[in-house]
């Protein structure tokens, strides 16, 4: 009897595994085929079930569709990321709502005191960034589940983007995300991944 492979031990079929992880890559070019609001809604409807601390769900997504909005962003993007951001069919600013605790009476109703636990702004901002970053991971997988390619970018002036697009002081930009259908020469060479033995150990 042949021993099962790692792929055989997962509940997802192999095609879904490849779509979400093995065959998925960070895209650097895109076609001009648009990403619709309906697709974005479908992605969010899937990934919103991922866990966050206190069920706070602090991730906020600002979609830049218009040329004017994209022009406001480009001065804050690193030179290596500027051309692909200008040409992508859709760019999103992924931000943390640092006042997410205001929704906790609704989102975490079995602990009415949770909002007060996060009254200290520095600790609340840290929690918002942490949980929003978790949600960004879910979002990247959700984009792939929709048959789209994601191009996440940390190469930008986060403080400048925050000032430009979130002057209310409530949101902090964490990551930029280009998304769409992969274009010509979209992929760079796959870089090495650590093995299970290098990452996981047991006590």
N, C-alpha and C. Protein backbone atom coordinates (compact mmCIF):
# COMPACT_ATOMS: atom_id res chain seq x y z
N UNK A 1 0.84 -1.19 0.00
CA UNK A 1 0.00 0.00 0.00
C UNK A 1 0.88 1.25 0.00
N UNK A 2 0.58 2.17 -0.89
CA UNK A 2 1.37 3.39 -1.00
C UNK A 2 1.01 4.36 0.11
N UNK A 3 2.02 4.91 0.75
CA UNK A 3 1.78 5.88 1.81
C UNK A 3 1.18 7.16 1.21
N UNK A 4 0.24 7.78 1.92
CA UNK A 4 -0.36 9.01 1.38
C UNK A 4 0.66 10.14 1.32
N UNK A 5 0.54 10.96 0.31
CA UNK A 5 1.38 12.15 0.21
C UNK A 5 0.79 13.24 1.09
N UNK A 6 1.55 14.31 1.27
CA UNK A 6 1.02 15.42 2.07
C UNK A 6 -0.25 15.98 1.45
N UNK A 7 -0.31 16.02 0.10
CA UNK A 7 -1.51 16.54 -0.55
C UNK A 7 -2.72 15.67 -0.26
N UNK A 8 -2.50 14.35 -0.12
CA UNK A 8 -3.61 13.44 0.13
C UNK A 8 -4.18 13.59 1.55
N UNK A 9 -3.42 14.19 2.43
CA UNK A 9 -3.84 14.32 3.83
C UNK A 9 -4.66 15.59 4.09
N UNK A 10 -4.88 16.38 3.06
CA UNK A 10 -5.64 17.62 3.20
C UNK A 10 -7.07 17.42 2.72
N UNK A 11 -8.00 18.18 3.32
CA UNK A 11 -9.41 18.06 2.94
C UNK A 11 -9.69 18.65 1.57
N UNK A 12 -8.94 19.68 1.18
CA UNK A 12 -9.11 20.28 -0.14
C UNK A 12 -8.58 19.36 -1.22
N UNK A 13 -9.25 19.32 -2.37
CA UNK A 13 -8.70 18.53 -3.47
C UNK A 13 -7.45 19.20 -4.01
N UNK A 14 -6.70 18.46 -4.81
CA UNK A 14 -5.40 18.95 -5.28
C UNK A 14 -5.54 20.21 -6.12
N UNK A 15 -6.60 20.29 -6.92
CA UNK A 15 -6.76 21.47 -7.76
C UNK A 15 -6.94 22.72 -6.90
N UNK A 16 -7.71 22.62 -5.83
CA UNK A 16 -7.90 23.76 -4.94
C UNK A 16 -6.60 24.09 -4.20
N UNK A 17 -5.87 23.07 -3.79
CA UNK A 17 -4.58 23.31 -3.14
C UNK A 17 -3.65 24.09 -4.05
N UNK A 18 -3.60 23.68 -5.31
CA UNK A 18 -2.72 24.37 -6.27
C UNK A 18 -3.19 25.80 -6.53
N UNK A 19 -4.50 25.97 -6.67
CA UNK A 19 -5.05 27.30 -6.95
C UNK A 19 -4.70 28.27 -5.83
N UNK A 20 -4.81 27.82 -4.60
CA UNK A 20 -4.62 28.72 -3.46
C UNK A 20 -3.16 28.88 -3.05
N UNK A 21 -2.33 27.86 -3.31
CA UNK A 21 -0.98 27.89 -2.78
C UNK A 21 0.09 27.49 -3.79
N UNK A 22 0.14 26.25 -4.23
CA UNK A 22 1.30 25.77 -4.98
C UNK A 22 1.49 26.48 -6.31
N UNK A 23 0.42 26.66 -7.04
CA UNK A 23 0.53 27.30 -8.36
C UNK A 23 0.38 28.82 -8.29
N UNK A 24 -0.09 29.31 -7.16
CA UNK A 24 -0.32 30.75 -7.02
C UNK A 24 1.00 31.48 -6.85
N UNK A 25 1.08 32.66 -7.45
CA UNK A 25 2.31 33.45 -7.38
C UNK A 25 1.94 34.93 -7.20
N UNK A 26 2.90 35.71 -6.75
CA UNK A 26 2.73 37.15 -6.72
C UNK A 26 2.87 37.69 -8.14
N UNK A 27 1.84 38.37 -8.61
CA UNK A 27 1.83 38.86 -9.99
C UNK A 27 2.47 40.24 -10.08
N UNK A 28 3.24 40.45 -11.15
CA UNK A 28 3.88 41.74 -11.40
C UNK A 28 3.30 42.46 -12.61
N UNK A 29 2.56 41.75 -13.44
CA UNK A 29 1.85 42.37 -14.57
C UNK A 29 0.44 41.82 -14.61
N UNK A 30 -0.45 42.62 -15.20
CA UNK A 30 -1.86 42.24 -15.27
C UNK A 30 -2.41 42.59 -16.65
N UNK A 31 -3.47 41.88 -17.04
CA UNK A 31 -4.21 42.27 -18.23
C UNK A 31 -5.09 43.46 -17.88
N UNK A 32 -5.75 44.02 -18.88
CA UNK A 32 -6.64 45.16 -18.61
C UNK A 32 -8.07 44.71 -18.28
N UNK A 33 -8.28 43.41 -18.13
CA UNK A 33 -9.61 42.93 -17.75
C UNK A 33 -9.95 43.43 -16.35
N UNK A 34 -11.10 44.06 -16.16
CA UNK A 34 -11.38 44.69 -14.87
C UNK A 34 -11.69 43.69 -13.76
N UNK A 35 -11.48 44.14 -12.54
CA UNK A 35 -11.94 43.43 -11.35
C UNK A 35 -13.20 44.14 -10.89
N UNK A 36 -14.31 43.41 -10.83
CA UNK A 36 -15.61 44.04 -10.56
C UNK A 36 -15.87 44.19 -9.07
N UNK A 37 -16.80 45.07 -8.75
CA UNK A 37 -17.23 45.20 -7.36
C UNK A 37 -17.85 43.91 -6.86
N UNK A 38 -18.53 43.18 -7.74
CA UNK A 38 -19.14 41.90 -7.35
C UNK A 38 -18.06 40.89 -6.96
N UNK A 39 -16.94 40.87 -7.69
CA UNK A 39 -15.85 39.97 -7.33
C UNK A 39 -15.25 40.35 -5.98
N UNK A 40 -15.06 41.64 -5.76
CA UNK A 40 -14.52 42.09 -4.48
C UNK A 40 -15.47 41.69 -3.35
N UNK A 41 -16.76 41.86 -3.55
CA UNK A 41 -17.73 41.49 -2.52
C UNK A 41 -17.70 39.99 -2.25
N UNK A 42 -17.56 39.19 -3.31
CA UNK A 42 -17.50 37.74 -3.13
C UNK A 42 -16.27 37.34 -2.34
N UNK A 43 -15.14 37.99 -2.62
CA UNK A 43 -13.91 37.70 -1.88
C UNK A 43 -14.10 38.04 -0.41
N UNK A 44 -14.64 39.22 -0.14
CA UNK A 44 -14.81 39.60 1.26
C UNK A 44 -15.82 38.72 1.97
N UNK A 45 -16.87 38.31 1.27
CA UNK A 45 -17.87 37.45 1.89
C UNK A 45 -17.27 36.12 2.32
N UNK A 46 -16.22 35.69 1.64
CA UNK A 46 -15.53 34.46 2.01
C UNK A 46 -14.56 34.67 3.15
N UNK A 47 -13.72 35.70 3.05
CA UNK A 47 -12.60 35.83 4.00
C UNK A 47 -13.01 36.46 5.32
N UNK A 48 -14.19 37.05 5.39
CA UNK A 48 -14.59 37.72 6.63
C UNK A 48 -14.78 36.75 7.79
N UNK A 49 -14.79 35.45 7.50
CA UNK A 49 -14.95 34.46 8.56
C UNK A 49 -13.63 34.06 9.21
N UNK A 50 -12.52 34.58 8.72
CA UNK A 50 -11.23 34.29 9.37
C UNK A 50 -11.17 34.90 10.76
N UNK A 51 -10.54 34.23 11.73
CA UNK A 51 -10.53 34.73 13.10
C UNK A 51 -9.66 35.96 13.30
N UNK A 52 -10.11 36.84 14.19
CA UNK A 52 -9.34 38.00 14.64
C UNK A 52 -9.54 38.14 16.14
N UNK A 53 -8.62 38.82 16.81
CA UNK A 53 -8.73 39.03 18.25
C UNK A 53 -10.01 39.79 18.56
N UNK A 54 -10.75 39.31 19.55
CA UNK A 54 -12.02 39.91 19.97
C UNK A 54 -13.06 39.97 18.84
N UNK A 55 -12.81 39.21 17.77
CA UNK A 55 -13.67 39.31 16.58
C UNK A 55 -13.74 40.76 16.08
N UNK A 56 -12.65 41.49 16.26
CA UNK A 56 -12.65 42.93 15.99
C UNK A 56 -12.67 43.32 14.53
N UNK A 57 -12.11 42.47 13.64
CA UNK A 57 -12.15 42.70 12.19
C UNK A 57 -11.71 44.13 11.80
N UNK A 58 -10.50 44.53 12.14
CA UNK A 58 -10.10 45.92 11.91
C UNK A 58 -9.64 46.23 10.48
N UNK A 59 -9.53 45.23 9.61
CA UNK A 59 -9.06 45.52 8.25
C UNK A 59 -10.07 46.38 7.51
N UNK A 60 -9.57 47.43 6.84
CA UNK A 60 -10.38 48.25 5.95
C UNK A 60 -9.68 48.31 4.60
N UNK A 61 -10.46 48.29 3.53
CA UNK A 61 -9.93 48.18 2.18
C UNK A 61 -10.43 49.36 1.35
N UNK A 62 -9.50 50.20 0.91
CA UNK A 62 -9.84 51.34 0.06
C UNK A 62 -9.46 50.99 -1.36
N UNK A 63 -10.45 50.90 -2.26
CA UNK A 63 -10.21 50.56 -3.66
C UNK A 63 -9.93 51.83 -4.45
N UNK A 64 -8.85 51.83 -5.20
CA UNK A 64 -8.49 52.97 -6.04
C UNK A 64 -8.80 52.58 -7.49
N UNK A 65 -9.92 53.07 -8.00
CA UNK A 65 -10.34 52.74 -9.36
C UNK A 65 -10.06 53.88 -10.34
N UNK A 66 -10.25 55.09 -9.91
CA UNK A 66 -10.14 56.22 -10.83
C UNK A 66 -8.68 56.57 -11.08
N UNK A 67 -8.43 57.18 -12.24
CA UNK A 67 -7.08 57.65 -12.56
C UNK A 67 -6.63 58.71 -11.56
N UNK A 68 -7.55 59.54 -11.11
CA UNK A 68 -7.20 60.59 -10.16
C UNK A 68 -6.76 60.00 -8.83
N UNK A 69 -7.46 58.96 -8.37
CA UNK A 69 -7.08 58.32 -7.11
C UNK A 69 -5.73 57.65 -7.24
N UNK A 70 -5.49 56.98 -8.36
CA UNK A 70 -4.20 56.31 -8.57
C UNK A 70 -3.06 57.33 -8.65
N UNK A 71 -3.34 58.48 -9.24
CA UNK A 71 -2.31 59.53 -9.33
C UNK A 71 -1.93 60.06 -7.95
N UNK A 72 -2.88 60.10 -7.05
CA UNK A 72 -2.57 60.52 -5.68
C UNK A 72 -1.67 59.52 -4.97
N UNK A 73 -1.80 58.24 -5.32
CA UNK A 73 -1.03 57.19 -4.65
C UNK A 73 0.41 57.10 -5.16
N UNK A 74 0.60 57.24 -6.47
CA UNK A 74 1.88 56.91 -7.09
C UNK A 74 3.08 57.64 -6.50
N UNK A 75 2.98 58.90 -6.08
CA UNK A 75 4.17 59.55 -5.51
C UNK A 75 4.69 58.87 -4.24
N UNK A 76 3.85 58.08 -3.58
CA UNK A 76 4.26 57.42 -2.34
C UNK A 76 4.77 56.00 -2.57
N UNK A 77 4.71 55.53 -3.82
CA UNK A 77 5.08 54.16 -4.15
C UNK A 77 6.54 54.13 -4.60
N UNK A 78 7.27 53.11 -4.19
CA UNK A 78 8.68 53.01 -4.57
C UNK A 78 8.82 52.90 -6.09
N UNK A 79 9.95 53.32 -6.61
CA UNK A 79 10.15 53.35 -8.05
C UNK A 79 9.98 51.97 -8.68
N UNK A 80 10.37 50.92 -7.96
CA UNK A 80 10.27 49.56 -8.51
C UNK A 80 8.83 49.07 -8.58
N UNK A 81 7.93 49.69 -7.83
CA UNK A 81 6.53 49.26 -7.81
C UNK A 81 5.60 50.21 -8.57
N UNK A 82 6.13 51.34 -9.04
CA UNK A 82 5.26 52.39 -9.56
C UNK A 82 4.58 52.00 -10.87
N UNK A 83 5.32 51.44 -11.81
CA UNK A 83 4.76 51.13 -13.13
C UNK A 83 3.67 50.08 -13.03
N UNK A 84 3.90 49.03 -12.25
CA UNK A 84 2.89 47.97 -12.16
C UNK A 84 1.67 48.44 -11.39
N UNK A 85 1.85 49.38 -10.47
CA UNK A 85 0.70 49.93 -9.76
C UNK A 85 -0.12 50.83 -10.67
N UNK A 86 0.55 51.59 -11.52
CA UNK A 86 -0.16 52.46 -12.45
C UNK A 86 -0.97 51.67 -13.47
N UNK A 87 -0.49 50.47 -13.84
CA UNK A 87 -1.14 49.71 -14.91
C UNK A 87 -2.08 48.62 -14.42
N UNK A 88 -2.06 48.31 -13.15
CA UNK A 88 -2.95 47.25 -12.63
C UNK A 88 -4.41 47.69 -12.76
N UNK A 89 -5.32 46.75 -13.03
CA UNK A 89 -6.73 47.12 -13.15
C UNK A 89 -7.34 47.63 -11.85
N UNK A 90 -6.78 47.20 -10.71
CA UNK A 90 -7.30 47.66 -9.43
C UNK A 90 -6.18 47.62 -8.40
N UNK A 91 -6.08 48.69 -7.64
CA UNK A 91 -5.15 48.75 -6.51
C UNK A 91 -5.95 49.04 -5.25
N UNK A 92 -5.63 48.31 -4.18
CA UNK A 92 -6.29 48.51 -2.90
C UNK A 92 -5.27 48.95 -1.86
N UNK A 93 -5.67 49.90 -1.04
CA UNK A 93 -4.90 50.24 0.16
C UNK A 93 -5.50 49.45 1.30
N UNK A 94 -4.70 48.62 1.92
CA UNK A 94 -5.15 47.80 3.04
C UNK A 94 -4.73 48.49 4.33
N UNK A 95 -5.70 48.81 5.16
CA UNK A 95 -5.45 49.63 6.34
C UNK A 95 -6.08 49.01 7.57
N UNK A 96 -5.59 49.43 8.72
CA UNK A 96 -6.15 49.02 10.00
C UNK A 96 -6.98 50.16 10.57
N UNK A 97 -8.18 49.84 11.00
CA UNK A 97 -9.02 50.80 11.71
C UNK A 97 -8.60 50.77 13.18
N UNK A 98 -7.89 51.80 13.61
CA UNK A 98 -7.34 51.80 14.96
C UNK A 98 -8.41 52.09 16.02
N UNK A 99 -9.59 52.45 15.60
CA UNK A 99 -10.71 52.62 16.52
C UNK A 99 -11.74 51.51 16.34
N UNK A 100 -11.26 50.33 15.94
CA UNK A 100 -12.15 49.18 15.72
C UNK A 100 -12.92 48.80 16.98
N UNK A 101 -12.39 49.16 18.15
CA UNK A 101 -13.02 48.77 19.41
C UNK A 101 -14.43 49.36 19.56
N UNK A 102 -14.72 50.42 18.82
CA UNK A 102 -16.05 51.02 18.91
C UNK A 102 -17.15 50.07 18.45
N UNK A 103 -16.80 49.08 17.62
CA UNK A 103 -17.78 48.12 17.12
C UNK A 103 -17.87 46.86 17.98
N UNK A 104 -17.05 46.76 19.02
CA UNK A 104 -17.02 45.53 19.81
C UNK A 104 -18.34 45.22 20.52
N UNK A 105 -19.12 46.21 20.98
CA UNK A 105 -20.42 45.84 21.56
C UNK A 105 -21.30 45.06 20.59
N UNK A 106 -21.13 45.30 19.31
CA UNK A 106 -21.87 44.58 18.28
C UNK A 106 -21.20 43.27 17.90
N UNK A 107 -19.86 43.30 17.78
CA UNK A 107 -19.12 42.16 17.25
C UNK A 107 -18.68 41.17 18.32
N UNK A 108 -18.65 41.60 19.57
CA UNK A 108 -18.19 40.75 20.68
C UNK A 108 -19.16 40.91 21.85
N UNK A 109 -20.45 40.65 21.61
CA UNK A 109 -21.49 41.04 22.57
C UNK A 109 -21.46 40.29 23.89
N UNK A 110 -20.83 39.12 23.93
CA UNK A 110 -20.81 38.36 25.18
C UNK A 110 -19.79 38.89 26.19
N UNK A 111 -19.00 39.89 25.78
CA UNK A 111 -18.07 40.57 26.69
C UNK A 111 -18.31 42.07 26.56
N UNK A 112 -19.35 42.60 27.19
CA UNK A 112 -19.67 44.02 27.05
C UNK A 112 -18.54 44.96 27.46
N UNK A 113 -17.65 44.46 28.32
CA UNK A 113 -16.54 45.30 28.79
C UNK A 113 -15.36 45.34 27.84
N UNK A 114 -15.41 44.61 26.74
CA UNK A 114 -14.25 44.51 25.84
C UNK A 114 -13.84 45.86 25.27
N UNK A 115 -14.81 46.70 24.98
CA UNK A 115 -14.48 48.03 24.45
C UNK A 115 -13.59 48.80 25.42
N UNK A 116 -13.90 48.70 26.72
CA UNK A 116 -13.12 49.41 27.72
C UNK A 116 -11.72 48.82 27.87
N UNK A 117 -11.58 47.52 27.60
CA UNK A 117 -10.26 46.91 27.69
C UNK A 117 -9.27 47.57 26.72
N UNK A 118 -9.79 48.12 25.65
CA UNK A 118 -8.94 48.68 24.61
C UNK A 118 -9.01 50.21 24.58
N UNK A 119 -9.27 50.81 25.71
CA UNK A 119 -9.34 52.27 25.77
C UNK A 119 -7.97 52.92 25.62
N UNK A 120 -6.90 52.18 25.94
CA UNK A 120 -5.54 52.71 25.80
C UNK A 120 -5.13 52.65 24.33
N UNK A 121 -4.90 53.82 23.73
CA UNK A 121 -4.67 53.87 22.29
C UNK A 121 -3.44 53.07 21.83
N UNK A 122 -2.28 53.20 22.44
CA UNK A 122 -1.12 52.44 21.93
C UNK A 122 -1.36 50.94 21.87
N UNK A 123 -1.95 50.36 22.91
CA UNK A 123 -2.20 48.92 22.89
C UNK A 123 -3.29 48.58 21.88
N UNK A 124 -4.24 49.48 21.70
CA UNK A 124 -5.31 49.25 20.72
C UNK A 124 -4.77 49.29 19.30
N UNK A 125 -3.87 50.23 19.03
CA UNK A 125 -3.27 50.32 17.70
C UNK A 125 -2.47 49.06 17.40
N UNK A 126 -1.73 48.57 18.37
CA UNK A 126 -0.98 47.33 18.18
C UNK A 126 -1.91 46.17 17.87
N UNK A 127 -3.02 46.09 18.59
CA UNK A 127 -3.98 45.02 18.34
C UNK A 127 -4.63 45.15 16.97
N UNK A 128 -4.93 46.40 16.58
CA UNK A 128 -5.54 46.63 15.26
C UNK A 128 -4.59 46.19 14.15
N UNK A 129 -3.33 46.55 14.26
CA UNK A 129 -2.36 46.17 13.24
C UNK A 129 -2.21 44.66 13.17
N UNK A 130 -2.16 44.01 14.33
CA UNK A 130 -1.97 42.56 14.36
C UNK A 130 -3.14 41.84 13.68
N UNK A 131 -4.35 42.16 14.09
CA UNK A 131 -5.51 41.46 13.52
C UNK A 131 -5.73 41.82 12.06
N UNK A 132 -5.49 43.08 11.69
CA UNK A 132 -5.64 43.46 10.28
C UNK A 132 -4.62 42.73 9.41
N UNK A 133 -3.43 42.51 9.94
CA UNK A 133 -2.42 41.76 9.19
C UNK A 133 -2.86 40.31 9.00
N UNK A 134 -3.45 39.71 10.03
CA UNK A 134 -4.04 38.38 9.86
C UNK A 134 -5.06 38.39 8.72
N UNK A 135 -5.91 39.39 8.71
CA UNK A 135 -6.95 39.47 7.69
C UNK A 135 -6.37 39.66 6.29
N UNK A 136 -5.24 40.36 6.19
CA UNK A 136 -4.60 40.51 4.90
C UNK A 136 -4.18 39.15 4.35
N UNK A 137 -3.69 38.27 5.23
CA UNK A 137 -3.35 36.93 4.80
C UNK A 137 -4.56 36.20 4.24
N UNK A 138 -5.69 36.31 4.94
CA UNK A 138 -6.92 35.69 4.44
C UNK A 138 -7.32 36.29 3.09
N UNK A 139 -7.15 37.61 2.98
CA UNK A 139 -7.55 38.30 1.75
C UNK A 139 -6.75 37.81 0.55
N UNK A 140 -5.45 37.62 0.72
CA UNK A 140 -4.63 37.14 -0.38
C UNK A 140 -5.10 35.78 -0.87
N UNK A 141 -5.44 34.90 0.06
CA UNK A 141 -5.95 33.58 -0.33
C UNK A 141 -7.32 33.73 -0.98
N UNK A 142 -8.14 34.65 -0.49
CA UNK A 142 -9.45 34.88 -1.08
C UNK A 142 -9.37 35.39 -2.51
N UNK A 143 -8.40 36.26 -2.78
CA UNK A 143 -8.19 36.74 -4.15
C UNK A 143 -7.87 35.57 -5.06
N UNK A 144 -7.02 34.68 -4.61
CA UNK A 144 -6.68 33.49 -5.40
C UNK A 144 -7.90 32.59 -5.59
N UNK A 145 -8.72 32.46 -4.56
CA UNK A 145 -9.91 31.63 -4.65
C UNK A 145 -10.89 32.17 -5.70
N UNK A 146 -10.82 33.46 -5.97
CA UNK A 146 -11.67 34.07 -6.99
C UNK A 146 -11.08 33.93 -8.39
N UNK A 147 -9.95 33.24 -8.50
CA UNK A 147 -9.31 33.09 -9.80
C UNK A 147 -8.51 34.29 -10.24
N UNK A 148 -8.21 35.18 -9.32
CA UNK A 148 -7.44 36.38 -9.61
C UNK A 148 -6.03 36.24 -9.06
N UNK A 149 -5.16 37.12 -9.49
CA UNK A 149 -3.79 37.16 -8.98
C UNK A 149 -3.62 38.39 -8.10
N UNK A 150 -2.82 38.24 -7.06
CA UNK A 150 -2.56 39.33 -6.12
C UNK A 150 -1.11 39.75 -6.22
N UNK A 151 -0.89 41.04 -6.10
CA UNK A 151 0.46 41.60 -6.07
C UNK A 151 0.63 42.48 -4.85
N UNK A 152 0.85 41.89 -3.67
CA UNK A 152 1.02 42.71 -2.47
C UNK A 152 2.35 43.45 -2.48
N UNK A 153 2.35 44.67 -1.93
CA UNK A 153 3.55 45.51 -1.95
C UNK A 153 3.71 46.25 -0.63
N UNK A 154 4.89 46.08 -0.04
CA UNK A 154 5.24 46.86 1.14
C UNK A 154 6.15 48.03 0.78
N UNK A 155 6.56 48.13 -0.48
CA UNK A 155 7.46 49.19 -0.92
C UNK A 155 6.73 50.49 -1.18
N UNK A 156 6.37 51.18 -0.12
CA UNK A 156 5.70 52.47 -0.25
C UNK A 156 5.84 53.23 1.06
N UNK A 157 5.58 54.51 1.00
CA UNK A 157 5.65 55.39 2.17
C UNK A 157 4.32 55.28 2.91
N UNK A 158 4.28 54.39 3.91
CA UNK A 158 3.03 54.12 4.62
C UNK A 158 2.50 55.35 5.34
N UNK A 159 3.40 56.11 5.96
CA UNK A 159 2.96 57.32 6.66
C UNK A 159 2.39 58.33 5.68
N UNK A 160 3.03 58.47 4.52
CA UNK A 160 2.53 59.40 3.51
C UNK A 160 1.18 58.98 2.97
N UNK A 161 1.00 57.68 2.71
CA UNK A 161 -0.30 57.18 2.22
C UNK A 161 -1.37 57.39 3.27
N UNK A 162 -1.02 57.16 4.53
CA UNK A 162 -1.99 57.37 5.60
C UNK A 162 -2.42 58.84 5.65
N UNK A 163 -1.47 59.75 5.54
CA UNK A 163 -1.83 61.18 5.56
C UNK A 163 -2.68 61.55 4.35
N UNK A 164 -2.34 61.02 3.19
CA UNK A 164 -3.03 61.38 1.95
C UNK A 164 -4.46 60.86 1.90
N UNK A 165 -4.65 59.62 2.33
CA UNK A 165 -5.95 58.98 2.13
C UNK A 165 -6.77 58.83 3.41
N UNK A 166 -6.13 58.93 4.56
CA UNK A 166 -6.85 58.75 5.83
C UNK A 166 -6.55 59.90 6.79
N UNK A 167 -6.90 61.12 6.42
CA UNK A 167 -6.55 62.26 7.26
C UNK A 167 -7.33 62.31 8.58
N UNK A 168 -8.33 61.44 8.74
CA UNK A 168 -9.11 61.45 9.98
C UNK A 168 -8.34 60.89 11.17
N UNK A 169 -7.18 60.24 10.91
CA UNK A 169 -6.39 59.68 12.00
C UNK A 169 -6.91 58.35 12.51
N UNK A 170 -7.95 57.84 11.91
CA UNK A 170 -8.56 56.60 12.38
C UNK A 170 -7.96 55.35 11.71
N UNK A 171 -7.37 55.52 10.54
CA UNK A 171 -6.87 54.38 9.77
C UNK A 171 -5.38 54.51 9.51
N UNK A 172 -4.69 53.37 9.50
CA UNK A 172 -3.27 53.33 9.20
C UNK A 172 -3.03 52.38 8.04
N UNK A 173 -2.39 52.87 6.98
CA UNK A 173 -2.09 52.03 5.82
C UNK A 173 -1.04 50.99 6.20
N UNK A 174 -1.29 49.74 5.81
CA UNK A 174 -0.38 48.64 6.12
C UNK A 174 0.28 48.05 4.88
N UNK A 175 -0.48 47.94 3.79
CA UNK A 175 0.00 47.25 2.61
C UNK A 175 -0.76 47.76 1.39
N UNK A 176 -0.11 47.74 0.23
CA UNK A 176 -0.79 47.99 -1.04
C UNK A 176 -0.99 46.66 -1.74
N UNK A 177 -2.09 46.55 -2.48
CA UNK A 177 -2.39 45.30 -3.16
C UNK A 177 -2.90 45.58 -4.57
N UNK A 178 -2.12 45.17 -5.57
CA UNK A 178 -2.60 45.16 -6.94
C UNK A 178 -3.30 43.83 -7.17
N UNK A 179 -4.42 43.86 -7.90
CA UNK A 179 -5.08 42.60 -8.19
C UNK A 179 -5.75 42.65 -9.55
N UNK A 180 -5.85 41.47 -10.14
CA UNK A 180 -6.43 41.33 -11.46
C UNK A 180 -6.07 40.00 -12.06
N UNK A 181 -6.17 39.91 -13.36
CA UNK A 181 -5.79 38.70 -14.09
C UNK A 181 -4.33 38.85 -14.52
N UNK A 182 -3.49 37.82 -14.30
CA UNK A 182 -2.08 37.96 -14.61
C UNK A 182 -1.83 38.23 -16.08
N UNK A 183 -0.88 39.13 -16.33
CA UNK A 183 -0.54 39.49 -17.70
C UNK A 183 0.70 38.75 -18.19
N UNK A 184 1.29 39.28 -19.24
CA UNK A 184 2.47 38.66 -19.83
C UNK A 184 3.66 38.77 -18.88
N UNK A 185 4.40 37.67 -18.76
CA UNK A 185 5.59 37.63 -17.89
C UNK A 185 5.27 38.13 -16.48
N UNK A 186 4.14 37.65 -15.96
CA UNK A 186 3.68 38.12 -14.65
C UNK A 186 4.52 37.59 -13.49
N UNK A 187 5.17 36.44 -13.71
CA UNK A 187 5.79 35.75 -12.57
C UNK A 187 7.31 35.85 -12.61
N UNK A 188 7.88 36.01 -11.45
CA UNK A 188 9.31 35.83 -11.31
C UNK A 188 9.58 34.39 -10.89
N UNK A 189 10.85 34.01 -10.90
CA UNK A 189 11.20 32.64 -10.52
C UNK A 189 10.75 32.35 -9.09
N UNK A 190 10.19 31.15 -8.90
CA UNK A 190 9.76 30.75 -7.56
C UNK A 190 10.97 30.68 -6.63
N UNK A 191 10.90 31.36 -5.52
CA UNK A 191 11.98 31.36 -4.55
C UNK A 191 11.86 30.17 -3.61
N UNK A 192 12.95 29.78 -2.96
CA UNK A 192 12.91 28.59 -2.09
C UNK A 192 11.96 28.77 -0.91
N UNK A 193 11.43 27.67 -0.45
CA UNK A 193 10.60 27.65 0.75
C UNK A 193 11.26 26.76 1.80
N UNK A 194 11.11 27.11 3.06
CA UNK A 194 11.65 26.29 4.14
C UNK A 194 10.87 24.99 4.23
N UNK A 195 11.56 23.94 4.65
CA UNK A 195 10.91 22.64 4.83
C UNK A 195 10.20 22.58 6.17
N UNK A 196 9.34 21.59 6.33
CA UNK A 196 8.65 21.39 7.60
C UNK A 196 9.66 21.20 8.73
N UNK A 197 10.73 20.45 8.45
CA UNK A 197 11.73 20.18 9.48
C UNK A 197 12.43 21.45 9.95
N UNK A 198 12.50 22.44 9.10
CA UNK A 198 13.15 23.70 9.48
C UNK A 198 12.22 24.63 10.24
N UNK A 199 10.93 24.37 10.16
CA UNK A 199 9.93 25.30 10.72
C UNK A 199 9.24 24.73 11.96
N UNK A 200 9.00 23.43 11.98
CA UNK A 200 8.17 22.82 13.02
C UNK A 200 9.01 21.91 13.90
N UNK A 201 8.85 22.07 15.21
CA UNK A 201 9.47 21.12 16.13
C UNK A 201 8.52 20.82 17.26
N UNK A 202 8.83 19.79 18.00
CA UNK A 202 7.92 19.27 19.02
C UNK A 202 8.63 19.19 20.36
N UNK A 203 7.93 19.57 21.42
CA UNK A 203 8.45 19.41 22.78
C UNK A 203 7.74 18.24 23.45
